[in-house]
Amino acid sequence: MSIAGNEALLEFRWLIEEFRVSLFAQQLKTRKPVSTKRLHKRWSEIDDQIRRQMPDLL
């Protein structure tokens, strides 16, 4: 996987952490807006990126 792919996965991991904060510790606030819809959209983008980079793997 490329460096960009790794960075995208790391970013997604932090989006999940932000989502957890938004659910369980609202008073802390999040750095950027996050929702299940945004998570699904971002995951779909990452999946597309991986499929383009490694078509034979998937």
Protein backbone atom coordinates (compact mmCIF):
# COMPACT_ATOMS: atom_id res chain seq x y z
CA MET A 1 0.00 0.00 0.00
CA SER A 2 1.23 3.49 -0.76
CA ILE A 3 2.15 6.15 1.76
CA ALA A 4 -1.04 8.01 0.81
CA GLY A 5 -3.05 4.87 1.54
CA ASN A 6 -1.42 4.49 4.94
CA GLU A 7 -2.08 8.14 5.73
CA ALA A 8 -5.71 7.76 4.68
CA LEU A 9 -6.13 4.78 7.01
CA LEU A 10 -4.49 6.66 9.87
CA GLU A 11 -6.77 9.63 9.25
CA PHE A 12 -9.78 7.30 9.23
CA ARG A 13 -8.68 5.81 12.54
CA TRP A 14 -8.68 9.29 14.06
CA LEU A 15 -12.09 10.01 12.58
CA ILE A 16 -13.35 6.95 14.46
CA GLU A 17 -11.81 8.30 17.68
CA GLU A 18 -13.48 11.66 17.07
CA PHE A 19 -16.77 9.84 16.51
CA ARG A 20 -16.36 8.04 19.83
CA VAL A 21 -15.84 11.39 21.54
CA SER A 22 -18.94 12.78 19.85
CA LEU A 23 -20.97 9.85 21.19
CA PHE A 24 -19.63 9.40 24.70
CA ALA A 25 -18.07 12.72 25.73
CA GLN A 26 -19.97 15.46 23.90
CA GLN A 27 -18.73 18.10 26.32
CA LEU A 28 -15.20 17.64 24.93
CA LYS A 29 -16.27 18.52 21.36
CA THR A 30 -14.51 17.23 18.26
CA ARG A 31 -11.91 18.87 16.04
CA LYS A 32 -14.03 18.43 12.95
CA PRO A 33 -17.61 17.34 12.29
CA VAL A 34 -17.98 13.56 12.22
CA SER A 35 -20.98 11.29 11.73
CA THR A 36 -21.76 7.79 10.54
CA LYS A 37 -22.53 9.25 7.12
CA ARG A 38 -19.13 10.96 6.94
CA LEU A 39 -17.39 7.79 8.15
CA HIS A 40 -19.12 5.67 5.51
CA LYS A 41 -18.27 8.19 2.79
CA ARG A 42 -14.62 8.38 3.80
CA TRP A 43 -14.31 4.59 4.07
CA SER A 44 -15.79 4.24 0.59
CA GLU A 45 -13.20 6.70 -0.75
CA ILE A 46 -10.36 4.77 0.92
CA ASP A 47 -11.72 1.47 -0.40
CA ASP A 48 -11.85 2.88 -3.94
CA GLN A 49 -8.28 4.16 -3.59
CA ILE A 50 -7.02 0.75 -2.43
CA ARG A 51 -8.88 -1.07 -5.20
CA ARG A 52 -7.29 1.22 -7.82
CA GLN A 53 -3.80 0.71 -6.39
CA MET A 54 -4.08 -3.06 -5.96
CA PRO A 55 -6.76 -4.43 -8.30
CA ASP A 56 -5.45 -8.02 -8.17
CA LEU A 57 -5.33 -8.13 -4.38
CA LEU A 58 -9.04 -7.65 -3.80
